[in-house]
N, C-alpha and C. Protein backbone atom coordinates (compact mmCIF):
# COMPACT_ATOMS: atom_id res chain seq x y z
N MET A 1 27.45 46.72 14.35
CA MET A 1 28.53 45.89 14.86
C MET A 1 28.81 45.03 13.83
N ILE A 2 30.25 44.90 13.64
CA ILE A 2 30.82 43.76 12.72
C ILE A 2 31.81 42.91 13.21
N HIS A 3 32.28 42.21 12.52
CA HIS A 3 33.35 41.09 12.67
C HIS A 3 32.55 40.18 13.72
N ILE A 4 31.41 39.74 13.49
CA ILE A 4 30.70 38.64 14.46
C ILE A 4 30.67 37.49 13.42
N ASN A 5 31.19 36.35 14.24
CA ASN A 5 31.09 35.05 13.51
C ASN A 5 29.60 34.54 13.51
N PHE A 6 29.31 33.47 12.80
CA PHE A 6 28.03 32.81 12.98
C PHE A 6 27.74 32.37 14.36
N TYR A 7 28.58 31.68 15.01
CA TYR A 7 28.36 31.08 16.26
C TYR A 7 27.92 32.09 17.16
N GLU A 8 28.53 33.41 17.26
CA GLU A 8 28.40 34.44 18.23
C GLU A 8 27.00 35.09 17.78
N ALA A 9 26.47 35.06 16.48
CA ALA A 9 25.36 35.51 16.21
C ALA A 9 24.30 34.62 16.80
N GLU A 10 24.22 33.28 16.63
CA GLU A 10 23.52 32.25 17.16
C GLU A 10 23.39 32.48 18.72
N ALA A 11 24.45 32.38 19.35
CA ALA A 11 24.56 32.72 20.76
C ALA A 11 23.64 33.94 21.28
N TYR A 12 24.03 34.96 20.70
CA TYR A 12 23.13 36.12 21.17
C TYR A 12 21.68 35.82 20.84
N CYS A 13 21.31 35.16 19.75
CA CYS A 13 20.01 34.87 19.42
C CYS A 13 19.29 34.03 20.45
N ARG A 14 19.89 33.10 20.81
CA ARG A 14 19.43 32.14 22.17
C ARG A 14 19.18 32.86 23.27
N TRP A 15 20.37 33.74 23.61
CA TRP A 15 20.22 34.61 24.83
C TRP A 15 18.89 35.54 24.85
N ALA A 16 18.82 36.16 23.74
CA ALA A 16 17.66 37.13 23.55
C ALA A 16 16.46 36.52 23.09
N GLY A 17 16.25 34.96 23.09
CA GLY A 17 14.85 34.44 22.82
C GLY A 17 14.51 34.85 21.37
N ARG A 18 15.54 34.86 20.42
CA ARG A 18 15.14 35.12 18.97
C ARG A 18 16.04 33.91 17.97
N ARG A 19 15.83 34.29 16.93
CA ARG A 19 16.53 33.54 15.98
C ARG A 19 17.24 34.32 14.80
N LEU A 20 18.03 33.68 13.87
CA LEU A 20 18.52 34.37 12.66
C LEU A 20 17.44 34.27 11.73
N PRO A 21 17.33 35.06 10.61
CA PRO A 21 16.34 34.71 9.60
C PRO A 21 16.92 33.60 8.66
N THR A 22 16.07 32.93 7.97
CA THR A 22 16.44 32.08 7.07
C THR A 22 16.97 32.79 5.76
N GLU A 23 17.51 32.33 4.72
CA GLU A 23 17.88 33.15 3.67
C GLU A 23 16.66 33.49 2.80
N ALA A 24 15.65 32.57 2.86
CA ALA A 24 14.52 33.18 2.06
C ALA A 24 13.91 34.23 2.92
N GLU A 25 13.65 34.16 4.22
CA GLU A 25 13.03 35.33 5.11
C GLU A 25 13.85 36.67 4.88
N TRP A 26 15.10 36.51 4.82
CA TRP A 26 15.79 37.61 4.52
C TRP A 26 15.49 38.43 3.07
N GLU A 27 15.58 37.39 2.22
CA GLU A 27 15.12 38.02 0.93
C GLU A 27 13.82 38.53 0.88
N LEU A 28 12.84 37.84 1.22
CA LEU A 28 11.29 38.35 1.32
C LEU A 28 11.53 39.84 1.91
N ALA A 29 12.17 40.01 3.18
CA ALA A 29 12.08 41.41 3.88
C ALA A 29 12.88 42.33 2.99
N ALA A 30 13.72 41.98 2.34
CA ALA A 30 14.53 42.95 1.43
C ALA A 30 14.03 43.15 0.07
N SER A 31 13.25 42.24 -0.45
CA SER A 31 12.88 42.41 -2.08
C SER A 31 11.27 42.30 -2.06
N GLY A 32 10.59 41.74 -1.16
CA GLY A 32 9.29 41.73 -1.20
C GLY A 32 8.42 43.27 -1.73
N GLU A 33 7.37 42.92 -2.24
CA GLU A 33 6.52 43.99 -2.51
C GLU A 33 5.16 43.91 -2.10
N ARG A 34 4.79 44.85 -1.39
CA ARG A 34 3.35 44.68 -0.64
C ARG A 34 2.44 44.82 -1.70
N SER A 35 1.33 43.96 -1.46
CA SER A 35 0.15 43.98 -2.27
C SER A 35 -0.59 45.24 -2.31
N ALA A 36 -1.58 45.48 -3.14
CA ALA A 36 -2.38 46.77 -3.08
C ALA A 36 -3.25 46.87 -2.00
N SER A 37 -3.72 45.51 -1.50
CA SER A 37 -4.65 45.73 -0.48
C SER A 37 -3.90 45.76 1.04
N GLY A 38 -2.59 45.48 0.80
CA GLY A 38 -1.81 45.75 2.15
C GLY A 38 -1.88 44.52 2.90
N GLY A 39 -2.55 43.55 2.47
CA GLY A 39 -2.84 42.24 3.33
C GLY A 39 -1.69 41.19 3.01
N GLY A 40 -0.83 41.55 2.47
CA GLY A 40 0.24 40.34 1.98
C GLY A 40 1.55 41.04 1.20
N PHE A 41 1.84 40.11 0.12
CA PHE A 41 2.88 40.67 -0.89
C PHE A 41 2.66 40.06 -2.21
N THR A 42 3.11 40.49 -3.18
CA THR A 42 2.92 40.38 -4.50
C THR A 42 4.11 39.32 -4.80
N GLU A 43 3.97 38.72 -5.88
CA GLU A 43 4.99 37.76 -6.53
C GLU A 43 6.27 38.48 -7.06
N ARG A 44 6.25 39.84 -7.36
CA ARG A 44 7.41 40.72 -7.95
C ARG A 44 8.38 40.96 -6.82
N LYS A 45 9.51 40.92 -7.33
CA LYS A 45 10.59 41.10 -6.33
C LYS A 45 11.31 42.43 -6.76
N ARG A 46 11.60 43.05 -5.80
CA ARG A 46 12.56 44.63 -6.09
C ARG A 46 13.78 44.16 -6.23
N ARG A 47 14.67 44.84 -7.01
CA ARG A 47 15.94 44.76 -7.19
C ARG A 47 16.70 45.17 -5.96
N TYR A 48 16.31 46.10 -5.37
CA TYR A 48 16.85 46.63 -4.18
C TYR A 48 15.83 46.81 -3.02
N PRO A 49 16.08 47.03 -1.76
CA PRO A 49 15.03 47.21 -0.71
C PRO A 49 14.03 48.24 -1.11
N TRP A 50 14.61 49.43 -1.62
CA TRP A 50 13.83 50.72 -1.93
C TRP A 50 12.99 50.51 -3.19
N GLY A 51 13.38 49.68 -4.03
CA GLY A 51 12.74 49.63 -5.38
C GLY A 51 13.71 48.96 -6.37
N ASP A 52 13.53 49.56 -7.76
CA ASP A 52 14.41 49.10 -8.77
C ASP A 52 15.44 50.16 -9.03
N GLU A 53 15.58 51.31 -8.57
CA GLU A 53 16.59 52.27 -8.97
C GLU A 53 17.69 52.08 -8.42
N PRO A 54 19.03 52.37 -9.16
CA PRO A 54 20.34 51.85 -8.42
C PRO A 54 20.68 52.60 -7.27
N PRO A 55 21.57 52.02 -6.44
CA PRO A 55 22.03 52.70 -5.28
C PRO A 55 22.40 53.93 -5.24
N THR A 56 22.00 54.86 -4.42
CA THR A 56 22.65 56.23 -4.22
C THR A 56 23.04 56.61 -2.83
N PRO A 57 23.79 57.62 -2.58
CA PRO A 57 24.36 58.01 -1.32
C PRO A 57 23.18 58.19 -0.33
N ASP A 58 21.96 58.58 -0.50
CA ASP A 58 21.20 58.96 0.42
C ASP A 58 20.12 57.60 0.70
N ARG A 59 20.53 56.49 0.18
CA ARG A 59 19.82 55.14 0.48
C ARG A 59 20.43 54.23 1.18
N VAL A 60 21.77 54.10 0.97
CA VAL A 60 22.60 53.10 1.36
C VAL A 60 24.02 53.36 1.71
N ASN A 61 24.83 52.51 2.70
CA ASN A 61 26.04 52.86 3.24
C ASN A 61 26.89 51.75 2.44
N LEU A 62 27.34 52.31 1.14
CA LEU A 62 28.38 51.21 0.43
C LEU A 62 29.43 52.16 -0.14
N ASP A 63 30.33 51.35 -1.09
CA ASP A 63 31.54 52.35 -1.59
C ASP A 63 32.51 52.74 -0.73
N TRP A 64 32.70 52.46 0.58
CA TRP A 64 33.48 52.97 1.42
C TRP A 64 33.21 54.48 1.74
N ARG A 65 32.09 54.78 1.42
CA ARG A 65 31.86 56.18 1.76
C ARG A 65 31.82 56.84 3.18
N HIS A 66 31.29 56.08 3.99
CA HIS A 66 31.31 56.44 5.53
C HIS A 66 32.67 55.79 6.23
N MET A 67 33.51 54.98 5.76
CA MET A 67 34.57 54.33 6.17
C MET A 67 34.20 53.45 7.54
N GLY A 68 32.85 53.02 7.34
CA GLY A 68 32.48 52.09 8.68
C GLY A 68 31.10 52.21 8.62
N CYS A 69 30.53 51.52 9.74
CA CYS A 69 28.91 51.30 9.65
C CYS A 69 28.44 52.71 10.36
N VAL A 70 27.17 52.98 9.71
CA VAL A 70 26.51 54.18 10.29
C VAL A 70 25.20 53.63 10.99
N ASP A 71 24.61 54.72 11.58
CA ASP A 71 23.35 54.32 12.49
C ASP A 71 22.23 53.66 11.56
N VAL A 72 21.69 52.77 12.08
CA VAL A 72 20.58 52.12 11.22
C VAL A 72 19.48 52.93 10.84
N GLY A 73 19.43 54.11 11.46
CA GLY A 73 18.21 55.07 10.92
C GLY A 73 18.73 56.00 9.94
N ALA A 74 20.03 55.94 9.61
CA ALA A 74 20.65 56.96 8.79
C ALA A 74 20.12 56.98 7.34
N PHE A 75 19.48 56.11 6.76
CA PHE A 75 19.19 56.16 5.29
C PHE A 75 17.57 55.81 5.28
N PRO A 76 16.65 56.54 5.79
CA PRO A 76 15.29 55.91 5.66
C PRO A 76 14.61 55.83 4.23
N LYS A 77 15.46 56.52 3.23
CA LYS A 77 15.00 56.31 1.88
C LYS A 77 15.36 54.81 1.32
N GLY A 78 16.17 54.11 2.11
CA GLY A 78 16.57 52.74 1.57
C GLY A 78 15.60 51.77 2.25
N ASP A 79 14.69 52.25 2.95
CA ASP A 79 13.87 51.03 3.49
C ASP A 79 13.27 50.13 2.63
N SER A 80 13.03 48.97 3.02
CA SER A 80 12.27 47.89 2.30
C SER A 80 10.77 48.25 2.21
N ALA A 81 10.05 47.52 1.76
CA ALA A 81 8.46 47.78 1.49
C ALA A 81 7.92 47.25 2.99
N PHE A 82 8.77 46.66 3.69
CA PHE A 82 8.13 46.31 5.07
C PHE A 82 8.82 46.87 6.13
N GLY A 83 9.39 47.92 5.77
CA GLY A 83 9.97 48.94 6.90
C GLY A 83 11.40 48.51 7.51
N CYS A 84 12.02 47.52 6.82
CA CYS A 84 13.28 47.08 7.10
C CYS A 84 14.43 48.03 6.75
N ARG A 85 15.20 48.42 7.74
CA ARG A 85 16.41 49.27 7.36
C ARG A 85 17.67 48.69 7.01
N GLN A 86 18.44 49.37 6.34
CA GLN A 86 19.73 48.82 6.13
C GLN A 86 20.06 47.46 5.52
N MET A 87 19.03 47.01 4.90
CA MET A 87 19.16 45.62 4.18
C MET A 87 20.28 45.32 3.34
N LEU A 88 20.58 46.55 2.74
CA LEU A 88 21.98 46.46 1.97
C LEU A 88 22.89 47.57 2.56
N GLY A 89 24.14 47.27 2.60
CA GLY A 89 25.20 48.21 3.28
C GLY A 89 25.33 47.91 4.62
N ASN A 90 26.31 48.67 5.26
CA ASN A 90 26.64 48.50 6.55
C ASN A 90 27.59 47.32 6.89
N ALA A 91 26.74 46.01 6.81
CA ALA A 91 27.50 44.83 7.23
C ALA A 91 26.63 43.53 6.43
N TRP A 92 27.46 42.72 6.09
CA TRP A 92 26.89 41.38 5.67
C TRP A 92 26.29 40.92 6.74
N GLU A 93 25.03 40.19 6.43
CA GLU A 93 24.22 39.60 7.64
C GLU A 93 24.23 37.98 7.53
N TRP A 94 24.61 37.50 8.69
CA TRP A 94 24.41 36.01 8.62
C TRP A 94 23.01 35.54 8.72
N THR A 95 22.65 34.58 7.90
CA THR A 95 21.31 33.81 8.03
C THR A 95 21.64 32.53 8.65
N SER A 96 20.43 31.81 8.81
CA SER A 96 20.63 30.60 9.46
C SER A 96 20.53 29.41 8.28
N SER A 97 20.80 29.86 7.23
CA SER A 97 20.67 28.86 6.08
C SER A 97 22.23 28.55 5.75
N VAL A 98 22.20 27.23 5.25
CA VAL A 98 23.60 26.65 4.82
C VAL A 98 23.57 27.10 3.41
N PHE A 99 24.74 27.21 2.74
CA PHE A 99 24.96 27.69 1.44
C PHE A 99 24.95 26.30 0.66
N ALA A 100 23.78 26.45 -0.20
CA ALA A 100 23.45 25.23 -1.22
C ALA A 100 22.78 25.71 -2.39
N PRO A 101 22.85 24.93 -3.45
CA PRO A 101 22.27 25.55 -4.80
C PRO A 101 20.68 25.57 -4.66
N PHE A 102 20.25 26.52 -5.36
CA PHE A 102 18.86 27.00 -5.50
C PHE A 102 18.30 25.81 -6.53
N PRO A 103 17.01 25.58 -6.58
CA PRO A 103 16.44 24.74 -7.50
C PRO A 103 16.69 25.45 -9.11
N GLY A 104 17.01 24.39 -10.05
CA GLY A 104 17.58 24.89 -11.16
C GLY A 104 18.95 25.45 -11.51
N PHE A 105 19.84 25.26 -10.26
CA PHE A 105 21.12 25.70 -10.24
C PHE A 105 22.03 25.02 -11.56
N VAL A 106 22.59 25.85 -12.09
CA VAL A 106 23.61 25.53 -13.13
C VAL A 106 24.91 25.95 -12.62
N ALA A 107 25.93 25.00 -12.79
CA ALA A 107 27.31 25.47 -12.22
C ALA A 107 27.98 26.41 -13.22
N ASP A 108 28.57 27.29 -12.68
CA ASP A 108 29.35 28.26 -13.24
C ASP A 108 30.56 27.63 -14.20
N PRO A 109 30.96 28.34 -15.26
CA PRO A 109 31.97 27.73 -15.93
C PRO A 109 33.48 27.65 -15.16
N TYR A 110 33.47 28.79 -14.29
CA TYR A 110 34.50 28.67 -13.15
C TYR A 110 34.31 27.67 -12.18
N LYS A 111 34.63 26.57 -12.32
CA LYS A 111 34.35 25.43 -11.55
C LYS A 111 34.44 25.63 -10.03
N ASP A 112 35.61 26.30 -9.61
CA ASP A 112 35.69 26.76 -7.97
C ASP A 112 35.04 27.83 -7.67
N TYR A 113 34.08 28.44 -8.33
CA TYR A 113 33.44 29.61 -7.84
C TYR A 113 32.30 29.44 -6.57
N SER A 114 31.52 28.41 -6.78
CA SER A 114 30.50 28.06 -5.71
C SER A 114 30.38 26.64 -5.34
N GLU A 115 30.17 25.96 -6.26
CA GLU A 115 29.87 24.51 -6.10
C GLU A 115 30.88 23.68 -5.20
N PRO A 116 32.04 23.87 -5.09
CA PRO A 116 32.86 23.34 -4.15
C PRO A 116 32.65 23.55 -2.82
N TRP A 117 31.93 24.71 -2.48
CA TRP A 117 31.47 25.29 -1.10
C TRP A 117 30.36 24.91 -0.52
N PHE A 118 29.43 24.30 -1.41
CA PHE A 118 27.99 23.78 -0.97
C PHE A 118 28.08 23.07 0.01
N HIS A 119 27.17 23.30 1.23
CA HIS A 119 26.96 22.69 2.35
C HIS A 119 28.04 22.76 3.43
N SER A 120 29.11 23.64 3.18
CA SER A 120 30.19 23.60 4.20
C SER A 120 30.37 25.01 4.75
N ARG A 121 29.44 25.89 4.10
CA ARG A 121 29.52 27.55 4.30
C ARG A 121 28.08 27.77 4.95
N ARG A 122 27.92 29.12 5.55
CA ARG A 122 26.72 29.66 5.88
C ARG A 122 26.59 30.88 5.07
N VAL A 123 25.20 31.13 4.72
CA VAL A 123 24.95 32.22 3.87
C VAL A 123 24.80 33.61 4.44
N LEU A 124 25.39 34.66 3.94
CA LEU A 124 25.15 36.02 4.31
C LEU A 124 24.60 36.86 3.34
N ARG A 125 23.90 37.92 3.71
CA ARG A 125 23.12 38.72 2.81
C ARG A 125 23.43 40.06 3.11
N GLY A 126 23.04 41.08 1.92
CA GLY A 126 23.24 42.47 2.16
C GLY A 126 24.39 43.22 1.91
N GLY A 127 25.60 42.69 2.00
CA GLY A 127 26.66 43.66 1.38
C GLY A 127 27.13 44.57 2.59
N ALA A 128 28.35 44.73 2.76
CA ALA A 128 28.89 45.84 3.92
C ALA A 128 29.35 46.94 3.21
N TRP A 129 29.57 47.83 4.19
CA TRP A 129 29.93 49.49 3.77
C TRP A 129 31.04 49.45 2.91
N PRO A 130 32.04 48.43 2.62
CA PRO A 130 33.06 48.57 1.61
C PRO A 130 32.76 47.77 0.37
N THR A 131 31.57 47.10 0.32
CA THR A 131 31.01 46.60 -1.05
C THR A 131 30.56 47.63 -2.09
N ARG A 132 31.02 47.49 -3.40
CA ARG A 132 30.83 48.18 -4.53
C ARG A 132 29.29 48.22 -4.74
N SER A 133 28.69 49.55 -4.93
CA SER A 133 27.38 49.67 -5.11
C SER A 133 27.13 48.92 -6.50
N ARG A 134 27.92 48.89 -7.44
CA ARG A 134 27.60 48.41 -8.74
C ARG A 134 27.53 46.92 -8.81
N LEU A 135 28.00 46.14 -7.72
CA LEU A 135 27.97 44.94 -7.69
C LEU A 135 26.68 44.11 -6.89
N ILE A 136 26.10 45.04 -5.87
CA ILE A 136 25.32 44.62 -5.03
C ILE A 136 23.72 44.58 -5.53
N ARG A 137 22.96 43.96 -5.03
CA ARG A 137 21.27 43.90 -5.28
C ARG A 137 20.91 42.76 -4.21
N ASN A 138 19.46 42.77 -4.14
CA ASN A 138 18.85 41.89 -3.30
C ASN A 138 19.34 40.42 -3.26
N LEU A 139 19.58 39.86 -4.32
CA LEU A 139 19.64 38.68 -4.75
C LEU A 139 21.12 38.07 -4.34
N TYR A 140 22.03 39.00 -4.37
CA TYR A 140 23.44 38.58 -4.14
C TYR A 140 23.57 37.87 -2.87
N ARG A 141 24.35 36.82 -3.06
CA ARG A 141 24.81 35.82 -1.87
C ARG A 141 26.15 35.73 -1.50
N ASN A 142 26.66 35.56 -0.35
CA ASN A 142 28.00 35.59 0.10
C ASN A 142 27.95 34.33 0.95
N TYR A 143 29.12 33.82 1.19
CA TYR A 143 29.09 32.42 1.95
C TYR A 143 30.47 32.44 2.71
N PHE A 144 30.46 32.03 3.86
CA PHE A 144 31.65 31.86 4.69
C PHE A 144 31.50 30.69 5.61
N THR A 145 32.69 30.14 6.07
CA THR A 145 32.60 29.08 7.13
C THR A 145 32.16 30.06 8.43
N PRO A 146 31.33 29.11 9.15
CA PRO A 146 30.72 29.83 10.42
C PRO A 146 31.73 30.39 11.53
N GLU A 147 32.89 30.02 11.66
CA GLU A 147 33.73 30.52 12.63
C GLU A 147 34.55 31.76 12.15
N ARG A 148 34.39 32.10 10.83
CA ARG A 148 35.04 33.25 10.32
C ARG A 148 34.40 34.66 11.11
N LYS A 149 35.39 35.40 11.49
CA LYS A 149 34.96 36.69 12.19
C LYS A 149 35.87 37.90 11.61
N ASP A 150 36.56 37.48 10.31
CA ASP A 150 37.25 38.57 9.94
C ASP A 150 36.53 39.29 8.71
N VAL A 151 35.48 38.74 8.45
CA VAL A 151 34.69 39.46 7.33
C VAL A 151 33.70 40.49 7.99
N TRP A 152 33.20 41.47 7.27
CA TRP A 152 32.44 42.81 7.67
C TRP A 152 31.05 41.92 7.97
N ALA A 153 30.93 41.12 9.01
CA ALA A 153 29.58 40.43 9.16
C ALA A 153 29.00 40.91 10.36
N GLY A 154 27.62 40.89 10.32
CA GLY A 154 26.85 41.23 11.59
C GLY A 154 25.61 40.26 11.45
N PHE A 155 24.53 40.76 12.17
CA PHE A 155 23.15 39.95 11.91
C PHE A 155 22.08 40.85 12.29
N ARG A 156 20.82 40.42 11.87
CA ARG A 156 19.49 40.91 12.46
C ARG A 156 18.91 39.60 12.95
N THR A 157 17.85 39.83 13.77
CA THR A 157 17.09 38.73 14.27
C THR A 157 15.85 38.76 14.10
N CYS A 158 14.99 37.52 14.11
CA CYS A 158 13.72 37.40 14.03
C CYS A 158 12.93 36.96 15.37
N ALA A 159 11.73 36.97 15.27
CA ALA A 159 10.86 36.34 16.49
C ALA A 159 10.99 34.92 16.30
N LEU A 160 10.87 34.09 17.49
CA LEU A 160 10.72 32.80 17.40
C LEU A 160 9.65 31.99 16.50
């Protein structure tokens, strides 16, 4: 489902007794690497949910290939190390996080790129089906005001 604004995603979560993931939780689910013992995760981050190999048509719904969203189970080869599906492609995903700089942030030379929007937007992660595969990776952040529903945005939920 796409064209959901942040408030609608939050309302669904309240109704379902769940919540939106934070940006950090979303990133861990997408880029985390399981430890060899299986009891946790390592400090290494994957470039993509499935590993470090570039996106391919059998892993992810990007590049306008399917002209819309596909079933969440359509690309099992694209699963994250934790079994999360469609972390990239299909829809941008709202997080509960406010768009703000990370520690060590250095402003882009193009002054109007991100800095003016800090603390007034919400973070989306994951990329939607029309996103170009050459541009997307686990660390890519998008941001919009919470009432926007004209973007290809959806959401996933977490336990309370």
